[in-house]
Amino acid sequence: SFYSEGQRFAGYAVTSQWDVIEAASLPGNWGAQAAELYALARACQLATGKTVSIYTDSRDAFGVIHCHIHFWKFCGFQTATSKPIQHLALVHRLLNALQAPRAVAIVHCRTHTRENTPVTQGNALADQAAKATAIQPLALPTLALASTPFLPLQHSLTVP
């Protein structure tokens, strides 16, 4: 997400190294963390039944999956003050989406680097596509995430 002339714009993109697989605008009141969580969920959904490595430059989104999820689940997705965690509906959406791929690895990558690797090229493409689509009219149905049911995680993942 970014601001332009006092207005916030948000978008997301799912890319390969060379191609934009999906990109769209998001509601303007969504911040970068929400957009990253949504993008990760969409990447998982688009990889349904496949074995996939998904790269993100968001430490927050990476941390949600690898660190915070277990603690939040234990605490009932509430903060220390017994309030729901921020972006609860998006976190639930992501947890459900993580079940879609046959096998998934979420990998953190550095952002805005001068390296010329497939990962950095794909990350730069995703950043460009997300910013370009953020200024477009909202194309998604207004994501009624609050009513999204949460399905518990499966306890095992088998990969032949």
N, C-alpha and C. Protein backbone atom coordinates (compact mmCIF):
# COMPACT_ATOMS: atom_id res chain seq x y z
N SER A 1 0.85 -1.17 0.00
CA SER A 1 0.00 0.00 0.00
C SER A 1 0.89 1.23 0.00
N PHE A 2 0.34 2.33 -0.50
CA PHE A 2 1.09 3.58 -0.54
C PHE A 2 0.11 4.74 -0.58
N TYR A 3 0.63 5.93 -0.28
CA TYR A 3 -0.17 7.15 -0.31
C TYR A 3 0.23 7.96 -1.53
N SER A 4 -0.77 8.57 -2.15
CA SER A 4 -0.54 9.50 -3.25
C SER A 4 -1.56 10.62 -3.13
N GLU A 5 -1.07 11.83 -3.03
CA GLU A 5 -1.93 13.01 -2.89
C GLU A 5 -2.92 12.84 -1.75
N GLY A 6 -2.44 12.32 -0.63
CA GLY A 6 -3.26 12.18 0.57
C GLY A 6 -4.23 11.02 0.57
N GLN A 7 -4.20 10.20 -0.46
CA GLN A 7 -5.10 9.05 -0.54
C GLN A 7 -4.28 7.76 -0.50
N ARG A 8 -4.79 6.78 0.26
CA ARG A 8 -4.09 5.50 0.35
C ARG A 8 -4.59 4.56 -0.73
N PHE A 9 -3.66 3.87 -1.34
CA PHE A 9 -3.97 2.85 -2.34
C PHE A 9 -3.34 1.54 -1.89
N ALA A 10 -4.01 0.44 -2.18
CA ALA A 10 -3.48 -0.87 -1.83
C ALA A 10 -3.74 -1.84 -2.97
N GLY A 11 -2.81 -2.73 -3.16
CA GLY A 11 -2.96 -3.76 -4.19
C GLY A 11 -2.07 -4.93 -3.84
N TYR A 12 -2.23 -6.00 -4.58
CA TYR A 12 -1.39 -7.18 -4.36
C TYR A 12 -1.09 -7.80 -5.70
N ALA A 13 -0.07 -8.63 -5.72
CA ALA A 13 0.28 -9.37 -6.93
C ALA A 13 0.89 -10.71 -6.54
N VAL A 14 0.59 -11.70 -7.34
CA VAL A 14 1.21 -13.02 -7.24
C VAL A 14 1.93 -13.21 -8.57
N THR A 15 3.23 -13.46 -8.51
CA THR A 15 4.02 -13.55 -9.74
C THR A 15 4.91 -14.78 -9.72
N SER A 16 5.41 -15.09 -10.91
CA SER A 16 6.54 -16.00 -11.03
C SER A 16 7.75 -15.08 -11.24
N GLN A 17 8.86 -15.62 -11.64
CA GLN A 17 10.02 -14.78 -11.91
C GLN A 17 9.73 -13.81 -13.05
N TRP A 18 8.97 -14.25 -14.06
CA TRP A 18 8.78 -13.45 -15.25
C TRP A 18 7.36 -12.95 -15.47
N ASP A 19 6.37 -13.61 -14.90
CA ASP A 19 4.98 -13.31 -15.24
C ASP A 19 4.16 -12.93 -14.02
N VAL A 20 3.20 -12.03 -14.25
CA VAL A 20 2.21 -11.71 -13.23
C VAL A 20 1.10 -12.75 -13.36
N ILE A 21 0.90 -13.53 -12.33
CA ILE A 21 -0.13 -14.57 -12.34
C ILE A 21 -1.48 -13.97 -11.99
N GLU A 22 -1.48 -13.08 -10.99
CA GLU A 22 -2.71 -12.41 -10.59
C GLU A 22 -2.33 -11.12 -9.88
N ALA A 23 -3.07 -10.06 -10.15
CA ALA A 23 -2.86 -8.78 -9.47
C ALA A 23 -4.18 -8.04 -9.44
N ALA A 24 -4.44 -7.35 -8.35
CA ALA A 24 -5.69 -6.60 -8.24
C ALA A 24 -5.56 -5.53 -7.17
N SER A 25 -6.46 -4.57 -7.24
CA SER A 25 -6.51 -3.54 -6.20
C SER A 25 -7.24 -4.09 -4.99
N LEU A 26 -6.97 -3.49 -3.86
CA LEU A 26 -7.61 -3.84 -2.60
C LEU A 26 -8.24 -2.58 -2.03
N PRO A 27 -9.12 -2.72 -1.06
CA PRO A 27 -9.72 -1.52 -0.46
C PRO A 27 -8.65 -0.56 0.05
N GLY A 28 -8.88 0.72 -0.13
CA GLY A 28 -7.91 1.74 0.24
C GLY A 28 -7.59 1.82 1.72
N ASN A 29 -8.46 1.26 2.55
CA ASN A 29 -8.18 1.30 3.98
C ASN A 29 -7.29 0.14 4.43
N TRP A 30 -6.87 -0.71 3.50
CA TRP A 30 -5.98 -1.81 3.84
C TRP A 30 -4.54 -1.30 3.85
N GLY A 31 -3.79 -1.68 4.86
CA GLY A 31 -2.38 -1.34 4.93
C GLY A 31 -1.52 -2.41 4.28
N ALA A 32 -0.22 -2.21 4.37
CA ALA A 32 0.72 -3.14 3.75
C ALA A 32 0.62 -4.53 4.36
N GLN A 33 0.46 -4.61 5.68
CA GLN A 33 0.37 -5.93 6.32
C GLN A 33 -0.83 -6.71 5.82
N ALA A 34 -1.98 -6.05 5.73
CA ALA A 34 -3.18 -6.73 5.25
C ALA A 34 -3.00 -7.18 3.81
N ALA A 35 -2.42 -6.33 2.98
CA ALA A 35 -2.20 -6.68 1.57
C ALA A 35 -1.26 -7.88 1.45
N GLU A 36 -0.21 -7.92 2.26
CA GLU A 36 0.73 -9.05 2.22
C GLU A 36 0.06 -10.35 2.66
N LEU A 37 -0.75 -10.29 3.71
CA LEU A 37 -1.46 -11.50 4.16
C LEU A 37 -2.41 -11.99 3.08
N TYR A 38 -3.12 -11.06 2.44
CA TYR A 38 -4.05 -11.44 1.37
C TYR A 38 -3.29 -12.05 0.19
N ALA A 39 -2.16 -11.44 -0.18
CA ALA A 39 -1.37 -11.95 -1.30
C ALA A 39 -0.87 -13.37 -1.02
N LEU A 40 -0.41 -13.62 0.20
CA LEU A 40 0.03 -14.98 0.55
C LEU A 40 -1.11 -15.98 0.46
N ALA A 41 -2.28 -15.57 0.94
CA ALA A 41 -3.44 -16.47 0.86
C ALA A 41 -3.79 -16.76 -0.60
N ARG A 42 -3.77 -15.74 -1.45
CA ARG A 42 -4.09 -15.96 -2.87
C ARG A 42 -3.03 -16.85 -3.53
N ALA A 43 -1.77 -16.66 -3.19
CA ALA A 43 -0.72 -17.51 -3.76
C ALA A 43 -0.95 -18.96 -3.39
N CYS A 44 -1.33 -19.21 -2.16
CA CYS A 44 -1.63 -20.59 -1.72
C CYS A 44 -2.84 -21.14 -2.47
N GLN A 45 -3.87 -20.33 -2.60
CA GLN A 45 -5.07 -20.79 -3.30
C GLN A 45 -4.77 -21.09 -4.77
N LEU A 46 -3.95 -20.25 -5.39
CA LEU A 46 -3.60 -20.47 -6.80
C LEU A 46 -2.72 -21.71 -6.98
N ALA A 47 -2.09 -22.16 -5.91
CA ALA A 47 -1.22 -23.34 -5.97
C ALA A 47 -1.93 -24.59 -5.47
N THR A 48 -3.24 -24.60 -5.48
CA THR A 48 -4.01 -25.74 -4.99
C THR A 48 -3.53 -27.04 -5.64
N GLY A 49 -3.20 -28.01 -4.79
CA GLY A 49 -2.78 -29.32 -5.27
C GLY A 49 -1.35 -29.40 -5.77
N LYS A 50 -0.60 -28.30 -5.72
CA LYS A 50 0.76 -28.28 -6.24
C LYS A 50 1.77 -28.22 -5.09
N THR A 51 3.00 -28.53 -5.41
CA THR A 51 4.11 -28.31 -4.48
C THR A 51 4.73 -26.97 -4.86
N VAL A 52 4.84 -26.06 -3.89
CA VAL A 52 5.21 -24.69 -4.24
C VAL A 52 6.06 -24.05 -3.14
N SER A 53 6.98 -23.19 -3.58
CA SER A 53 7.72 -22.31 -2.67
C SER A 53 7.20 -20.90 -2.94
N ILE A 54 6.77 -20.23 -1.90
CA ILE A 54 6.23 -18.87 -2.04
C ILE A 54 7.17 -17.94 -1.30
N TYR A 55 7.64 -16.91 -1.99
CA TYR A 55 8.57 -15.95 -1.41
C TYR A 55 7.82 -14.68 -1.04
N THR A 56 8.15 -14.12 0.11
CA THR A 56 7.57 -12.85 0.54
C THR A 56 8.68 -11.99 1.12
N ASP A 57 8.59 -10.68 0.87
CA ASP A 57 9.56 -9.77 1.48
C ASP A 57 9.00 -9.16 2.76
N SER A 58 7.82 -9.59 3.16
CA SER A 58 7.19 -9.08 4.37
C SER A 58 7.60 -9.90 5.59
N ARG A 59 8.36 -9.27 6.49
CA ARG A 59 8.74 -9.96 7.72
C ARG A 59 7.50 -10.25 8.56
N ASP A 60 6.52 -9.34 8.51
CA ASP A 60 5.30 -9.54 9.29
C ASP A 60 4.53 -10.77 8.81
N ALA A 61 4.30 -10.87 7.51
CA ALA A 61 3.56 -12.02 6.98
C ALA A 61 4.34 -13.31 7.21
N PHE A 62 5.64 -13.28 7.01
CA PHE A 62 6.48 -14.44 7.27
C PHE A 62 6.39 -14.84 8.74
N GLY A 63 6.44 -13.85 9.62
CA GLY A 63 6.35 -14.11 11.06
C GLY A 63 5.01 -14.68 11.47
N VAL A 64 3.95 -14.22 10.83
CA VAL A 64 2.62 -14.76 11.13
C VAL A 64 2.61 -16.26 10.91
N ILE A 65 3.15 -16.70 9.80
CA ILE A 65 3.10 -18.12 9.45
C ILE A 65 4.07 -18.95 10.28
N HIS A 66 5.27 -18.46 10.48
CA HIS A 66 6.30 -19.27 11.11
C HIS A 66 6.42 -19.11 12.62
N CYS A 67 5.92 -18.02 13.17
CA CYS A 67 6.12 -17.77 14.61
C CYS A 67 4.82 -17.55 15.37
N HIS A 68 4.05 -16.59 14.93
CA HIS A 68 2.92 -16.12 15.73
C HIS A 68 1.71 -17.04 15.71
N ILE A 69 1.50 -17.77 14.65
CA ILE A 69 0.30 -18.60 14.50
C ILE A 69 0.10 -19.53 15.68
N HIS A 70 1.13 -20.23 16.07
CA HIS A 70 0.99 -21.21 17.14
C HIS A 70 0.63 -20.54 18.46
N PHE A 71 1.27 -19.42 18.74
CA PHE A 71 0.97 -18.68 19.96
C PHE A 71 -0.46 -18.15 19.92
N TRP A 72 -0.84 -17.54 18.79
CA TRP A 72 -2.20 -16.99 18.67
C TRP A 72 -3.24 -18.09 18.79
N LYS A 73 -2.98 -19.22 18.17
CA LYS A 73 -3.93 -20.33 18.24
C LYS A 73 -4.10 -20.77 19.70
N PHE A 74 -2.99 -20.86 20.42
CA PHE A 74 -3.02 -21.24 21.83
C PHE A 74 -3.83 -20.22 22.65
N CYS A 75 -3.72 -18.95 22.30
CA CYS A 75 -4.41 -17.88 23.04
C CYS A 75 -5.78 -17.56 22.47
N GLY A 76 -6.27 -18.37 21.54
CA GLY A 76 -7.59 -18.12 20.96
C GLY A 76 -7.62 -16.92 20.04
N PHE A 77 -6.49 -16.62 19.40
CA PHE A 77 -6.38 -15.49 18.47
C PHE A 77 -6.74 -14.18 19.15
N GLN A 78 -6.32 -14.05 20.40
CA GLN A 78 -6.55 -12.82 21.17
C GLN A 78 -5.22 -12.27 21.66
N THR A 79 -5.21 -10.96 21.86
CA THR A 79 -4.03 -10.30 22.41
C THR A 79 -3.99 -10.49 23.92
N ALA A 80 -2.98 -9.97 24.56
CA ALA A 80 -2.86 -10.07 26.02
C ALA A 80 -3.99 -9.34 26.73
N THR A 81 -4.62 -8.39 26.04
CA THR A 81 -5.75 -7.66 26.62
C THR A 81 -7.09 -8.28 26.24
N SER A 82 -7.05 -9.51 25.75
CA SER A 82 -8.26 -10.27 25.37
C SER A 82 -9.03 -9.66 24.20
N LYS A 83 -8.34 -8.90 23.37
CA LYS A 83 -8.96 -8.37 22.16
C LYS A 83 -8.52 -9.23 20.98
N PRO A 84 -9.33 -9.30 19.93
CA PRO A 84 -8.92 -10.08 18.76
C PRO A 84 -7.63 -9.51 18.15
N ILE A 85 -6.79 -10.39 17.62
CA ILE A 85 -5.57 -9.93 16.96
C ILE A 85 -5.93 -9.08 15.76
N GLN A 86 -4.99 -8.23 15.37
CA GLN A 86 -5.20 -7.40 14.19
C GLN A 86 -5.25 -8.30 12.95
N HIS A 87 -6.12 -7.98 12.04
CA HIS A 87 -6.28 -8.72 10.78
C HIS A 87 -6.71 -10.17 11.02
N LEU A 88 -7.53 -10.39 12.02
CA LEU A 88 -7.97 -11.74 12.38
C LEU A 88 -8.58 -12.48 11.20
N ALA A 89 -9.48 -11.83 10.48
CA ALA A 89 -10.14 -12.51 9.35
C ALA A 89 -9.13 -12.89 8.27
N LEU A 90 -8.15 -12.02 8.02
CA LEU A 90 -7.13 -12.33 7.02
C LEU A 90 -6.22 -13.47 7.49
N VAL A 91 -5.92 -13.50 8.77
CA VAL A 91 -5.10 -14.59 9.31
C VAL A 91 -5.86 -15.91 9.18
N HIS A 92 -7.14 -15.91 9.48
CA HIS A 92 -7.95 -17.12 9.30
C HIS A 92 -7.99 -17.54 7.84
N ARG A 93 -8.16 -16.56 6.96
CA ARG A 93 -8.18 -16.86 5.52
C ARG A 93 -6.85 -17.50 5.09
N LEU A 94 -5.75 -16.95 5.59
CA LEU A 94 -4.44 -17.49 5.26
C LEU A 94 -4.26 -18.90 5.81
N LEU A 95 -4.69 -19.14 7.03
CA LEU A 95 -4.60 -20.48 7.61
C LEU A 95 -5.35 -21.50 6.76
N ASN A 96 -6.53 -21.14 6.32
CA ASN A 96 -7.29 -22.04 5.45
C ASN A 96 -6.58 -22.24 4.12
N ALA A 97 -6.06 -21.16 3.54
CA ALA A 97 -5.40 -21.23 2.24
C ALA A 97 -4.12 -22.07 2.30
N LEU A 98 -3.44 -22.08 3.43
CA LEU A 98 -2.22 -22.87 3.56
C LEU A 98 -2.47 -24.36 3.38
N GLN A 99 -3.72 -24.78 3.48
CA GLN A 99 -4.07 -26.19 3.30
C GLN A 99 -4.25 -26.57 1.83
N ALA A 100 -4.34 -25.57 0.94
CA ALA A 100 -4.65 -25.83 -0.47
C ALA A 100 -3.50 -26.49 -1.24
N PRO A 101 -2.26 -26.01 -1.11
CA PRO A 101 -1.19 -26.66 -1.86
C PRO A 101 -0.91 -28.07 -1.32
N ARG A 102 -0.38 -28.90 -2.20
CA ARG A 102 0.02 -30.24 -1.77
C ARG A 102 1.14 -30.15 -0.74
N ALA A 103 2.10 -29.28 -1.01
CA ALA A 103 3.17 -28.96 -0.07
C ALA A 103 3.56 -27.51 -0.31
N VAL A 104 3.84 -26.78 0.76
CA VAL A 104 4.15 -25.36 0.60
C VAL A 104 5.30 -24.97 1.52
N ALA A 105 6.17 -24.13 1.00
CA ALA A 105 7.24 -23.51 1.80
C ALA A 105 7.08 -22.01 1.64
N ILE A 106 6.97 -21.31 2.76
CA ILE A 106 6.92 -19.86 2.73
C ILE A 106 8.31 -19.38 3.11
N VAL A 107 8.95 -18.63 2.21
CA VAL A 107 10.34 -18.25 2.36
C VAL A 107 10.44 -16.73 2.38
N HIS A 108 11.23 -16.19 3.32
CA HIS A 108 11.43 -14.75 3.35
C HIS A 108 12.56 -14.38 2.40
N CYS A 109 12.36 -13.31 1.65
CA CYS A 109 13.41 -12.81 0.76
C CYS A 109 13.66 -11.34 1.06
N ARG A 110 14.84 -10.88 0.74
CA ARG A 110 15.18 -9.48 0.95
C ARG A 110 14.45 -8.62 -0.06
N THR A 111 14.13 -7.42 0.35
CA THR A 111 13.41 -6.51 -0.53
C THR A 111 14.35 -5.42 -1.06
N HIS A 112 14.03 -4.90 -2.21
CA HIS A 112 14.75 -3.77 -2.81
C HIS A 112 16.26 -3.98 -2.79
N THR A 113 16.67 -5.09 -3.34
CA THR A 113 18.09 -5.41 -3.39
C THR A 113 18.58 -5.30 -4.83
N ARG A 114 19.87 -5.11 -4.99
CA ARG A 114 20.45 -4.99 -6.33
C ARG A 114 20.84 -6.35 -6.90
N GLU A 115 20.63 -7.39 -6.13
CA GLU A 115 20.96 -8.73 -6.62
C GLU A 115 20.10 -9.04 -7.84
N ASN A 116 20.61 -9.86 -8.71
CA ASN A 116 19.88 -10.24 -9.91
C ASN A 116 19.68 -11.75 -9.91
N THR A 117 18.74 -12.20 -9.08
CA THR A 117 18.43 -13.62 -8.96
C THR A 117 16.97 -13.83 -9.35
N PRO A 118 16.58 -15.05 -9.62
CA PRO A 118 15.16 -15.30 -9.93
C PRO A 118 14.23 -14.81 -8.82
N VAL A 119 14.63 -14.95 -7.57
CA VAL A 119 13.78 -14.52 -6.45
C VAL A 119 13.65 -13.01 -6.43
N THR A 120 14.77 -12.29 -6.56
CA THR A 120 14.69 -10.83 -6.52
C THR A 120 13.97 -10.27 -7.74
N GLN A 121 14.11 -10.93 -8.88
CA GLN A 121 13.37 -10.49 -10.07
C GLN A 121 11.87 -10.67 -9.88
N GLY A 122 11.47 -11.81 -9.34
CA GLY A 122 10.05 -12.05 -9.08
C GLY A 122 9.50 -11.10 -8.03
N ASN A 123 10.30 -10.80 -7.01
CA ASN A 123 9.86 -9.88 -5.96
C ASN A 123 9.69 -8.47 -6.52
N ALA A 124 10.63 -8.02 -7.35
CA ALA A 124 10.52 -6.70 -7.96
C ALA A 124 9.29 -6.63 -8.87
N LEU A 125 9.05 -7.69 -9.62
CA LEU A 125 7.87 -7.73 -10.50
C LEU A 125 6.59 -7.66 -9.68
N ALA A 126 6.54 -8.38 -8.57
CA ALA A 126 5.36 -8.36 -7.70
C ALA A 126 5.13 -6.96 -7.13
N ASP A 127 6.20 -6.30 -6.69
CA ASP A 127 6.06 -4.94 -6.16
C ASP A 127 5.53 -3.98 -7.23
N GLN A 128 6.08 -4.07 -8.44
CA GLN A 128 5.64 -3.20 -9.53
C GLN A 128 4.19 -3.46 -9.90
N ALA A 129 3.81 -4.73 -10.00
CA ALA A 129 2.44 -5.07 -10.39
C ALA A 129 1.44 -4.66 -9.31
N ALA A 130 1.80 -4.86 -8.05
CA ALA A 130 0.90 -4.47 -6.96
C ALA A 130 0.68 -2.97 -6.95
N LYS A 131 1.74 -2.21 -7.14
CA LYS A 131 1.62 -0.75 -7.14
C LYS A 131 0.81 -0.28 -8.35
N ALA A 132 1.03 -0.89 -9.50
CA ALA A 132 0.30 -0.49 -10.71
C ALA A 132 -1.19 -0.80 -10.60
N THR A 133 -1.54 -1.92 -10.01
CA THR A 133 -2.96 -2.27 -9.91
C THR A 133 -3.65 -1.60 -8.73
N ALA A 134 -2.88 -1.13 -7.76
CA ALA A 134 -3.48 -0.49 -6.58
C ALA A 134 -4.31 0.73 -6.96
N ILE A 135 -3.91 1.44 -8.00
CA ILE A 135 -4.62 2.66 -8.38
C ILE A 135 -5.84 2.38 -9.26
N GLN A 136 -6.03 1.12 -9.64
CA GLN A 136 -7.19 0.74 -10.44
C GLN A 136 -8.43 0.68 -9.56
N PRO A 137 -9.62 0.78 -10.15
CA PRO A 137 -10.83 0.62 -9.35
C PRO A 137 -10.86 -0.76 -8.70
N LEU A 138 -11.48 -0.83 -7.55
CA LEU A 138 -11.57 -2.09 -6.81
C LEU A 138 -12.26 -3.14 -7.67
N ALA A 139 -11.54 -4.20 -7.99
CA ALA A 139 -12.07 -5.23 -8.88
C ALA A 139 -12.63 -6.42 -8.12
N LEU A 140 -12.24 -6.55 -6.86
CA LEU A 140 -12.69 -7.70 -6.08
C LEU A 140 -14.04 -7.43 -5.47
N PRO A 141 -14.85 -8.47 -5.29
CA PRO A 141 -16.05 -8.24 -4.50
C PRO A 141 -15.57 -7.80 -3.12
N THR A 142 -16.24 -6.90 -2.51
CA THR A 142 -15.70 -6.29 -1.30
C THR A 142 -15.52 -7.29 -0.19
N LEU A 143 -14.68 -8.23 -0.37
CA LEU A 143 -14.14 -9.18 0.58
C LEU A 143 -14.80 -9.19 1.95
N ALA A 144 -15.89 -9.90 2.06
CA ALA A 144 -16.58 -10.01 3.35
C ALA A 144 -15.83 -11.00 4.22
N LEU A 145 -14.66 -10.59 4.66
CA LEU A 145 -13.79 -11.50 5.39
C LEU A 145 -14.30 -11.82 6.79
N ALA A 146 -15.04 -10.91 7.38
CA ALA A 146 -15.49 -11.16 8.75
C ALA A 146 -16.39 -12.38 8.83
N SER A 147 -17.06 -12.71 7.75
CA SER A 147 -17.96 -13.86 7.78
C SER A 147 -17.30 -15.15 7.28
N THR A 148 -16.00 -15.07 6.95
CA THR A 148 -15.30 -16.25 6.47
C THR A 148 -15.14 -17.25 7.60
N PRO A 149 -15.63 -18.48 7.43
CA PRO A 149 -15.48 -19.46 8.50
C PRO A 149 -14.02 -19.88 8.62
N PHE A 150 -13.63 -20.19 9.82
CA PHE A 150 -12.27 -20.67 10.05
C PHE A 150 -12.30 -22.17 10.21
N LEU A 151 -11.52 -22.83 9.39
CA LEU A 151 -11.41 -24.28 9.47
C LEU A 151 -10.09 -24.61 10.14
N PRO A 152 -10.08 -25.51 11.11
CA PRO A 152 -8.83 -25.82 11.81
C PRO A 152 -7.80 -26.43 10.87
N LEU A 153 -6.54 -26.24 11.22
CA LEU A 153 -5.46 -26.81 10.43
C LEU A 153 -5.50 -28.32 10.46
N GLN A 154 -5.14 -28.93 9.34
CA GLN A 154 -4.97 -30.37 9.34
C GLN A 154 -3.69 -30.66 10.10
N HIS A 155 -3.65 -31.76 10.81
CA HIS A 155 -2.51 -32.03 11.67
C HIS A 155 -1.33 -32.65 10.95
N SER A 156 -1.52 -33.14 9.75
CA SER A 156 -0.38 -33.72 9.06
C SER A 156 -0.46 -33.42 7.58
N LEU A 157 0.68 -33.37 6.98
CA LEU A 157 0.79 -33.16 5.55
C LEU A 157 1.73 -34.23 5.04
N THR A 158 1.23 -35.04 4.13
CA THR A 158 2.06 -36.11 3.60
C THR A 158 2.46 -35.78 2.18
N VAL A 159 3.71 -35.96 1.92
CA VAL A 159 4.24 -35.71 0.59
C VAL A 159 4.96 -36.98 0.15
N PRO A 160 4.52 -37.59 -0.96
CA PRO A 160 5.19 -38.81 -1.39
C PRO A 160 6.61 -38.56 -1.86
